[in-house]
């Protein structure tokens, strides 16, 4: 934007000239909407053609970065099919814990290890204890996995001690991205009780570097899926008529895998899954934000929130290898003749997402790519 700064409102220039967007996002949705409309005008009005074209830079010519200085990162668990599938592997008689349908479950992640698409995935080491072993051992993870998620960027924050109402939650959402919460399942299985994820998750979180605005997604919103018969309705602080009518996101999701052998042979990446976000999320983005701040927790501009793994009810829309391979019992067969239960060194995972429907312009959320390399 530096080259066309003279064409933008003077109040915006200082915020938009910073290396990160935190200050800009703090202005809230009205400023974002005004900027979006102004940029649309600059890019479509013949009066500005020369000024804009001379300052346009090709996407392939730039290195994209994490768009914000992330103060805090929280990952939720709102994909009910993922939660059920994983629960069946560990608790066949009670896949979902009793609180799941009342509380949007989440945990605090590690903001310092969030990286943009393209950064390598260094295989983590840690304590692992196979079921047959008497004691744990330390070493590289043997069950490295990906998790297909959406990221939610916080815009305008809230003061400590001041909750965010469900009716105003969308005004605190600056936009969305793709998010891969890389997971070491063997480390996770040993360490997660009693306090939940720790070293199995905090070694890397990858994101697509674009912030897709809520206005860009407006044509693709739809009603939240109705709760199945017998499920409790959200408690009043999480219930809002507008959110029920437009809280779901019609975002199409895809995950592909390519191995080193496949790339050498010129084989196309293997499609692991295709699904839709609105079919996977039990809780909406607004409900996530509201619950996060419901105890007075202060969210800040540039904070990042993950939805949790987004799996659909069908096998072709599962969001992790843990689910696809049934915990390693049903390996994926690849076109190269290889099989995968979990990720090997040299494997590359690519998350993609887009929105399209009749009467609307298709938009993309970019890519979130990571290639596994050996640990140190």
Protein backbone atom coordinates (compact mmCIF):
# COMPACT_ATOMS: atom_id res chain seq x y z
CA UNK A 1 0.00 0.00 0.00
CA UNK A 2 2.99 2.31 0.33
CA UNK A 3 2.89 3.31 -3.33
CA UNK A 4 -0.74 4.43 -3.22
CA UNK A 5 -0.74 5.87 0.30
CA UNK A 6 -1.45 9.36 -1.02
CA UNK A 7 -4.74 8.03 -2.37
CA UNK A 8 -5.85 6.70 1.02
CA UNK A 9 -7.32 8.60 3.94
CA UNK A 10 -4.61 10.34 5.92
CA UNK A 11 -5.70 8.77 9.22
CA UNK A 12 -5.04 5.29 7.81
CA UNK A 13 -1.55 5.81 6.46
CA UNK A 14 0.46 5.42 9.65
CA UNK A 15 -1.29 2.19 10.64
CA UNK A 16 -0.98 0.67 7.19
CA UNK A 17 2.70 1.55 6.88
CA UNK A 18 3.63 -0.62 9.88
CA UNK A 19 5.22 -4.08 9.35
CA UNK A 20 2.24 -5.67 11.15
CA UNK A 21 -1.48 -4.92 11.08
CA UNK A 22 -2.28 -4.82 14.82
CA UNK A 23 -2.86 -1.07 14.95
CA UNK A 24 -4.98 -1.16 11.83
CA UNK A 25 -7.13 -4.05 13.08
CA UNK A 26 -7.79 -2.19 16.32
CA UNK A 27 -9.82 0.34 14.32
CA UNK A 28 -12.60 -2.21 13.92
CA UNK A 29 -14.89 -3.42 11.19
CA UNK A 30 -16.12 -0.03 9.98
CA UNK A 31 -12.58 1.09 9.10
CA UNK A 32 -11.88 -2.25 7.44
CA UNK A 33 -15.04 -1.94 5.39
CA UNK A 34 -14.16 1.61 4.32
CA UNK A 35 -10.65 0.53 3.27
CA UNK A 36 -12.03 -2.41 1.30
CA UNK A 37 -14.40 -0.12 -0.56
CA UNK A 38 -11.63 2.41 -1.21
CA UNK A 39 -9.27 -0.24 -2.58
CA UNK A 40 -12.03 -1.57 -4.82
CA UNK A 41 -12.50 1.96 -6.15
CA UNK A 42 -8.76 2.41 -6.76
CA UNK A 43 -8.48 -0.88 -8.60
CA UNK A 44 -11.54 -0.42 -10.81
CA UNK A 45 -11.69 3.31 -11.54
CA UNK A 46 -9.81 4.36 -14.69
CA UNK A 47 -8.74 7.60 -13.00
CA UNK A 48 -6.35 5.68 -10.76
CA UNK A 49 -5.11 3.06 -13.23
CA UNK A 50 -1.62 4.49 -13.76
CA UNK A 51 -1.02 5.25 -10.07
CA UNK A 52 -2.03 1.74 -9.04
CA UNK A 53 -0.45 -0.33 -11.81
CA UNK A 54 3.02 1.10 -11.31
CA UNK A 55 2.88 0.01 -7.66
CA UNK A 56 1.43 -3.48 -8.09
CA UNK A 57 3.77 -6.34 -7.19
CA UNK A 58 3.21 -9.91 -8.35
CA UNK A 59 2.29 -12.38 -5.64
CA UNK A 60 5.10 -14.71 -6.72
CA UNK A 61 7.61 -11.88 -6.31
CA UNK A 62 7.05 -11.26 -2.62
CA UNK A 63 7.69 -13.15 0.59
CA UNK A 64 4.59 -13.24 2.74
CA UNK A 65 4.80 -12.98 6.53
CA UNK A 66 2.57 -13.53 9.54
CA UNK A 67 0.32 -10.46 9.21
CA UNK A 68 0.18 -9.56 12.92
CA UNK A 69 2.31 -9.58 16.02
CA UNK A 70 0.36 -12.32 17.81
CA UNK A 71 0.05 -11.62 21.50
CA UNK A 72 -2.00 -14.71 22.27
CA UNK A 73 -3.05 -17.83 20.37
CA UNK A 74 -5.95 -20.03 21.47
CA UNK A 75 -7.06 -23.24 19.77
CA UNK A 76 -10.62 -24.51 20.09
CA UNK A 77 -12.21 -27.90 19.44
CA UNK A 78 -15.48 -27.03 17.68
CA UNK A 79 -15.34 -29.74 15.00
CA UNK A 80 -17.80 -32.20 16.49
CA UNK A 81 -17.11 -34.97 13.97
CA UNK A 82 -13.38 -34.75 14.68
CA UNK A 83 -14.02 -34.78 18.42
CA UNK A 84 -16.27 -37.82 18.03
CA UNK A 85 -13.85 -39.70 15.77
CA UNK A 86 -10.91 -39.13 18.09
CA UNK A 87 -13.01 -39.91 21.15
CA UNK A 88 -14.04 -43.26 19.67
CA UNK A 89 -10.38 -44.28 19.45
CA UNK A 90 -9.72 -43.58 23.13
CA UNK A 91 -13.17 -43.80 24.76
CA UNK A 92 -15.40 -46.07 22.62
CA UNK A 93 -18.21 -46.01 25.19
CA UNK A 94 -18.20 -42.20 25.59
CA UNK A 95 -16.56 -40.47 22.60
CA UNK A 96 -17.74 -36.99 23.65
CA UNK A 97 -17.26 -35.84 27.22
CA UNK A 98 -20.42 -34.47 28.91
CA UNK A 99 -19.39 -30.82 28.66
CA UNK A 100 -18.72 -30.79 24.90
CA UNK A 101 -22.23 -29.76 23.83
CA UNK A 102 -22.43 -27.03 26.46
CA UNK A 103 -18.95 -25.45 26.32
CA UNK A 104 -16.83 -24.43 23.31
CA UNK A 105 -13.69 -26.27 24.46
CA UNK A 106 -10.28 -24.66 23.89
CA UNK A 107 -6.71 -24.48 25.12
CA UNK A 108 -4.04 -21.77 25.11
CA UNK A 109 -1.41 -22.43 22.46
CA UNK A 110 2.04 -21.00 21.79
CA UNK A 111 2.01 -17.71 19.86
CA UNK A 112 5.78 -17.63 19.35
CA UNK A 113 5.77 -20.73 17.11
CA UNK A 114 3.10 -19.53 14.65
CA UNK A 115 4.69 -19.33 11.19
CA UNK A 116 3.49 -18.48 7.66
CA UNK A 117 2.85 -21.01 4.92
CA UNK A 118 6.04 -22.48 3.49
CA UNK A 119 8.07 -22.66 6.69
CA UNK A 120 9.56 -26.16 7.23
CA UNK A 121 8.07 -28.54 9.77
CA UNK A 122 10.94 -29.75 11.96
CA UNK A 123 10.03 -33.15 13.36
CA UNK A 124 9.65 -32.68 17.12
CA UNK A 125 11.09 -34.90 19.81
CA UNK A 126 9.62 -35.65 23.18
CA UNK A 127 8.51 -38.32 25.61
CA UNK A 128 6.47 -41.11 24.08
CA UNK A 129 5.16 -44.28 25.69
CA UNK A 130 3.72 -47.06 23.54
CA UNK A 131 0.97 -49.05 25.30
CA UNK A 132 3.19 -52.11 25.63
CA UNK A 133 6.12 -50.21 27.14
CA UNK A 134 6.69 -50.10 30.90
CA UNK A 135 8.21 -46.60 30.86
CA UNK A 136 8.43 -43.67 28.44
CA UNK A 137 11.38 -42.92 26.19
CA UNK A 138 12.59 -39.72 24.55
CA UNK A 139 12.97 -39.41 20.79
CA UNK A 140 11.55 -38.08 17.51
CA UNK A 141 7.80 -38.31 17.08
CA UNK A 142 6.73 -41.38 15.11
CA UNK A 143 3.13 -40.24 14.71
CA UNK A 144 3.40 -36.74 13.27
CA UNK A 145 0.07 -35.40 12.00
CA UNK A 146 -1.60 -32.32 10.55
CA UNK A 147 -4.90 -30.71 11.55
CA UNK A 148 -7.11 -28.83 9.08
CA UNK A 149 -8.45 -25.70 10.76
CA UNK A 150 -9.57 -22.14 10.18
CA UNK A 151 -7.91 -19.27 12.00
CA UNK A 152 -9.86 -16.30 13.34
CA UNK A 153 -8.07 -12.95 13.65
CA UNK A 154 -9.20 -10.66 16.45
CA UNK A 155 -9.73 -7.03 15.45
CA UNK A 156 -11.04 -4.61 18.05
CA UNK A 157 -10.38 -6.04 21.50
CA UNK A 158 -12.14 -5.73 24.86
CA UNK A 159 -11.05 -4.41 28.24
CA UNK A 160 -10.06 -6.83 30.99
CA UNK A 161 -13.17 -7.75 32.95
CA UNK A 162 -15.56 -6.73 30.14
CA UNK A 163 -17.10 -9.73 28.32
CA UNK A 164 -18.05 -9.63 24.64
CA UNK A 165 -21.75 -10.23 24.00
CA UNK A 166 -22.82 -12.74 21.38
CA UNK A 167 -24.63 -9.96 19.53
CA UNK A 168 -21.47 -7.90 19.14
CA UNK A 169 -18.93 -10.72 18.70
CA UNK A 170 -18.74 -10.41 14.92
CA UNK A 171 -17.62 -6.79 15.31
CA UNK A 172 -14.48 -8.12 17.04
CA UNK A 173 -13.53 -10.50 14.20
CA UNK A 174 -11.11 -8.96 11.72
CA UNK A 175 -10.99 -11.94 9.38
CA UNK A 176 -10.07 -15.54 8.72
CA UNK A 177 -7.18 -17.66 7.45
CA UNK A 178 -6.20 -21.31 7.08
CA UNK A 179 -4.46 -22.91 10.05
CA UNK A 180 -2.56 -26.18 10.48
CA UNK A 181 -2.11 -27.21 14.10
CA UNK A 182 0.70 -29.74 13.57
CA UNK A 183 0.42 -32.50 16.17
CA UNK A 184 2.72 -35.22 17.49
CA UNK A 185 0.15 -37.84 18.40
CA UNK A 186 2.49 -40.13 20.34
CA UNK A 187 3.71 -37.24 22.50
CA UNK A 188 0.11 -36.08 22.89
CA UNK A 189 -1.19 -39.46 24.05
CA UNK A 190 1.38 -39.60 26.87
CA UNK A 191 1.31 -35.99 28.09
CA UNK A 192 -2.27 -34.73 27.63
CA UNK A 193 -3.63 -35.93 30.98
CA UNK A 194 -4.41 -34.11 33.19
CA UNK A 195 -3.83 -30.64 31.68
CA UNK A 196 -4.20 -31.14 27.93
CA UNK A 197 -1.93 -30.37 24.94
CA UNK A 198 1.59 -29.08 25.54
CA UNK A 199 4.76 -30.16 23.67
CA UNK A 200 2.71 -32.22 21.20
CA UNK A 201 1.31 -28.99 19.75
CA UNK A 202 3.54 -26.02 20.50
CA UNK A 203 6.46 -26.82 18.17
CA UNK A 204 4.73 -25.23 15.12
CA UNK A 205 1.43 -23.81 13.93
CA UNK A 206 1.25 -22.86 10.24
CA UNK A 207 -1.13 -20.26 8.79
CA UNK A 208 -1.97 -18.87 5.38
CA UNK A 209 -0.72 -15.26 5.37
CA UNK A 210 -3.94 -13.63 4.11
CA UNK A 211 -6.59 -12.09 6.34
CA UNK A 212 -9.89 -12.72 4.56
CA UNK A 213 -12.34 -10.09 5.76
CA UNK A 214 -15.83 -10.92 7.06
CA UNK A 215 -17.25 -8.70 4.30
CA UNK A 216 -15.56 -10.86 1.66
CA UNK A 217 -17.23 -13.92 3.19
CA UNK A 218 -20.67 -12.30 3.55
CA UNK A 219 -22.13 -13.85 0.36
CA UNK A 220 -21.18 -17.31 1.57
CA UNK A 221 -22.74 -17.27 5.03
CA UNK A 222 -25.57 -19.62 5.91
CA UNK A 223 -27.61 -20.72 8.95
CA UNK A 224 -25.86 -22.74 11.61
CA UNK A 225 -26.78 -26.42 11.31
CA UNK A 226 -29.67 -27.25 13.65
CA UNK A 227 -28.74 -29.10 16.80
CA UNK A 228 -29.59 -32.81 16.60
CA UNK A 229 -32.65 -33.91 18.54
CA UNK A 230 -31.76 -34.35 22.19
CA UNK A 231 -28.79 -31.98 22.12
CA UNK A 232 -28.99 -29.03 24.51
CA UNK A 233 -29.53 -25.59 23.05
CA UNK A 234 -26.73 -23.05 23.67
CA UNK A 235 -26.94 -21.23 26.98
CA UNK A 236 -28.41 -17.71 26.62
CA UNK A 237 -25.03 -15.94 26.55
CA UNK A 238 -24.11 -18.01 23.48
CA UNK A 239 -27.44 -17.73 21.67
CA UNK A 240 -28.26 -15.02 19.13
CA UNK A 241 -30.89 -15.03 16.38
CA UNK A 242 -28.62 -13.33 13.84
CA UNK A 243 -25.84 -15.82 14.52
CA UNK A 244 -28.24 -18.72 14.13
CA UNK A 245 -29.25 -17.34 10.72
CA UNK A 246 -25.80 -16.38 9.38
CA UNK A 247 -23.18 -17.89 11.68
CA UNK A 248 -22.04 -20.74 9.42
CA UNK A 249 -19.22 -20.26 6.89
CA UNK A 250 -19.64 -21.82 3.45
CA UNK A 251 -15.90 -22.38 3.00
CA UNK A 252 -14.78 -25.38 0.97
CA UNK A 253 -11.68 -27.11 2.33
CA UNK A 254 -9.11 -29.43 0.77
CA UNK A 255 -5.97 -31.20 1.99
CA UNK A 256 -3.35 -32.79 -0.26
CA UNK A 257 -0.20 -34.81 0.46
CA UNK A 258 2.90 -35.20 -1.69
CA UNK A 259 5.86 -37.37 -0.74
CA UNK A 260 9.45 -37.00 -1.87
CA UNK A 261 9.03 -40.04 -4.11
CA UNK A 262 5.87 -38.60 -5.68
CA UNK A 263 7.58 -35.30 -6.46
CA UNK A 264 10.57 -37.05 -8.06
CA UNK A 265 8.20 -39.07 -10.24
CA UNK A 266 6.15 -36.01 -11.20
CA UNK A 267 2.98 -37.41 -9.63
CA UNK A 268 0.17 -35.08 -8.63
CA UNK A 269 -0.41 -34.65 -4.89
CA UNK A 270 -2.81 -37.12 -3.30
CA UNK A 271 -6.11 -35.61 -2.13
CA UNK A 272 -6.59 -36.64 1.50
CA UNK A 273 -9.88 -34.86 2.10
CA UNK A 274 -12.45 -32.40 0.80
CA UNK A 275 -15.21 -30.91 2.95
CA UNK A 276 -17.00 -27.76 4.07
CA UNK A 277 -16.52 -25.72 7.21
CA UNK A 278 -20.24 -25.20 7.79
CA UNK A 279 -20.75 -28.97 7.96
CA UNK A 280 -18.01 -29.38 10.55
CA UNK A 281 -18.43 -26.60 13.14
CA UNK A 282 -20.69 -27.29 16.14
CA UNK A 283 -20.01 -23.78 17.46
CA UNK A 284 -19.83 -20.60 15.34
CA UNK A 285 -16.96 -18.11 15.18
CA UNK A 286 -19.05 -15.61 17.16
CA UNK A 287 -19.74 -18.19 19.87
CA UNK A 288 -16.01 -18.95 20.08
CA UNK A 289 -15.14 -15.28 20.58
CA UNK A 290 -17.96 -14.70 23.06
CA UNK A 291 -17.07 -17.72 25.17
CA UNK A 292 -13.37 -16.82 25.14
CA UNK A 293 -14.17 -13.41 26.67
CA UNK A 294 -17.13 -14.51 28.79
CA UNK A 295 -15.07 -14.57 32.00
CA UNK A 296 -13.65 -11.12 31.31
CA UNK A 297 -10.55 -12.33 29.42
CA UNK A 298 -9.24 -9.45 27.33
CA UNK A 299 -8.75 -10.22 23.65
CA UNK A 300 -6.34 -7.93 21.80
CA UNK A 301 -5.95 -6.83 18.17
CA UNK A 302 -3.92 -9.45 16.32
CA UNK A 303 -4.75 -12.33 18.63
CA UNK A 304 -5.22 -15.61 16.75
CA UNK A 305 -7.93 -18.19 17.46
CA UNK A 306 -8.06 -21.65 15.87
CA UNK A 307 -11.34 -23.45 15.31
CA UNK A 308 -9.98 -26.91 15.94
CA UNK A 309 -9.90 -29.68 13.34
CA UNK A 310 -12.74 -29.44 10.82
CA UNK A 311 -13.89 -32.90 9.79
CA UNK A 312 -17.19 -33.69 8.12
CA UNK A 313 -19.41 -36.66 8.90
CA UNK A 314 -18.20 -38.57 5.82
CA UNK A 315 -14.80 -40.22 5.39
CA UNK A 316 -13.87 -38.03 2.42
CA UNK A 317 -13.93 -34.92 4.62
CA UNK A 318 -11.73 -35.94 7.55
CA UNK A 319 -9.26 -33.32 8.75
CA UNK A 320 -6.35 -35.36 10.14
CA UNK A 321 -4.42 -38.56 9.47
CA UNK A 322 -5.32 -39.77 12.95
CA UNK A 323 -8.89 -40.06 11.69
CA UNK A 324 -8.18 -41.09 8.10
CA UNK A 325 -5.86 -43.96 9.09
CA UNK A 326 -7.97 -44.90 12.13
CA UNK A 327 -5.05 -44.30 14.43
CA UNK A 328 -2.66 -46.09 12.08
CA UNK A 329 -4.80 -49.20 11.57
CA UNK A 330 -5.86 -48.29 8.00
CA UNK A 331 -2.91 -46.69 6.14
CA UNK A 332 -3.55 -44.41 3.17
CA UNK A 333 -2.48 -45.94 -0.15
CA UNK A 334 -0.73 -43.43 -2.42
CA UNK A 335 -0.30 -43.40 -6.21
CA UNK A 336 3.45 -43.97 -5.75
CA UNK A 337 2.84 -47.35 -4.10
CA UNK A 338 3.70 -45.89 -0.69
CA UNK A 339 1.41 -45.92 2.33
CA UNK A 340 0.98 -43.41 5.10
CA UNK A 341 -0.50 -43.70 8.57
CA UNK A 342 1.34 -40.61 9.77
CA UNK A 343 3.75 -38.17 8.15
CA UNK A 344 7.27 -39.15 7.10
CA UNK A 345 10.25 -36.86 6.50
CA UNK A 346 9.91 -35.18 3.10
CA UNK A 347 6.10 -35.27 3.14
CA UNK A 348 4.39 -32.01 2.21
CA UNK A 349 0.87 -31.09 3.34
CA UNK A 350 -1.09 -28.36 1.56
CA UNK A 351 -4.32 -26.90 2.91
CA UNK A 352 -6.53 -24.98 0.46
CA UNK A 353 -9.85 -23.21 0.89
CA UNK A 354 -12.23 -21.26 -1.30
CA UNK A 355 -15.82 -20.03 -1.48
CA UNK A 356 -18.08 -20.13 -4.49
CA UNK A 357 -21.77 -20.05 -5.25
CA UNK A 358 -23.99 -18.94 -8.09
CA UNK A 359 -24.28 -15.17 -8.31
CA UNK A 360 -21.14 -14.46 -6.30
CA UNK A 361 -17.49 -14.03 -7.25
CA UNK A 362 -15.35 -16.97 -6.17
CA UNK A 363 -12.76 -16.07 -3.54
CA UNK A 364 -9.81 -18.02 -2.22
CA UNK A 365 -8.15 -18.13 1.18
CA UNK A 366 -4.75 -18.97 -0.27
CA UNK A 367 -2.67 -21.99 0.71
CA UNK A 368 -1.10 -23.25 3.91
CA UNK A 369 1.90 -25.45 3.05
CA UNK A 370 4.38 -27.29 5.24
CA UNK A 371 7.07 -29.86 4.43
CA UNK A 372 8.42 -32.18 7.12
CA UNK A 373 12.18 -32.25 7.67
CA UNK A 374 14.20 -34.36 10.13
CA UNK A 375 14.55 -33.10 13.67
CA UNK A 376 17.83 -31.87 15.07
